[in-house]
């Protein structure tokens, strides 16, 4: 490879990740919800139901859906009760448990599907903690965090231009041996790099805080203890083996940061509830 081509190749290696990073500012930003408010939810459209169903079918290719777990009944009981507490039980929801003791995870996706892997049920202390984790995932749905990513007009143009220029550059550098076909691959690459894939969505700290706030409000309306969420993450924080096992569940927000966040939110929301109760009295 000539010095000129080598320089262009190095430049491409630097510019492509930088361009993808800049695109983070080009996605449509969602408005946050006011504190002390549980978002309402509209009825699902056929497209939304199909979205969740398609993801479920994809997961079934890799995991076995099961009801054979000693805590399965607790999972279903907590799920039904949390739906009622959030006042969303009039809308279709789907809960599926997959058999995988090594995967400690729970994921809510667009279309009101919640997926749980059996490894999660192996590490929770009881039904209160199951309810807390379910409420947190449901809160992400209610807050709109699971909605498919929307891009600005500028970023759509950029994706198309970047695909064309990158394809030409790769063909030139490889003397036509390597070529990328199809369209939309740049957007797919960005979604993967930025963890925006529906099943691997990583929320920012503001979204995690908003979801936790909503989840606590939901649990306060239920028969479960809001402190269960804090108890779960405190146990993870203190147990090195458990912290390692729950890496996927943490979504890049460390147990230490979650504990700090929940220790701030729980008293704050309790004070708000007492204030409202005093005004009603």
Foldseek 3Di string as FASTA:
>chain_A
DDPVLVVVVVVCVVVLVVVLVVQVVFWDDDDFDDFPDQFDDDADDPVQQVVVVVVVVVVVVPWPWDCPDPCSVLLVVLLCQLCVLSVNNVHDAAETETEDLLAQAWAAAGSRYIYGYVVVVVQAPGSLLSNLVSQLRVLCVSRVVRPQIGGHPVVVVVQVVVLVVVQVSVCVSVVNPDGDDDGDVSVVVSCVVQQVPNRRRQDDPVSSLSSLSNSLSSVVSGPHDNCSNLVSLVVLVVDVVSVVSCVSHCSPPHSVNVNVSSVVRPVVVVVVVVVVVVVVD
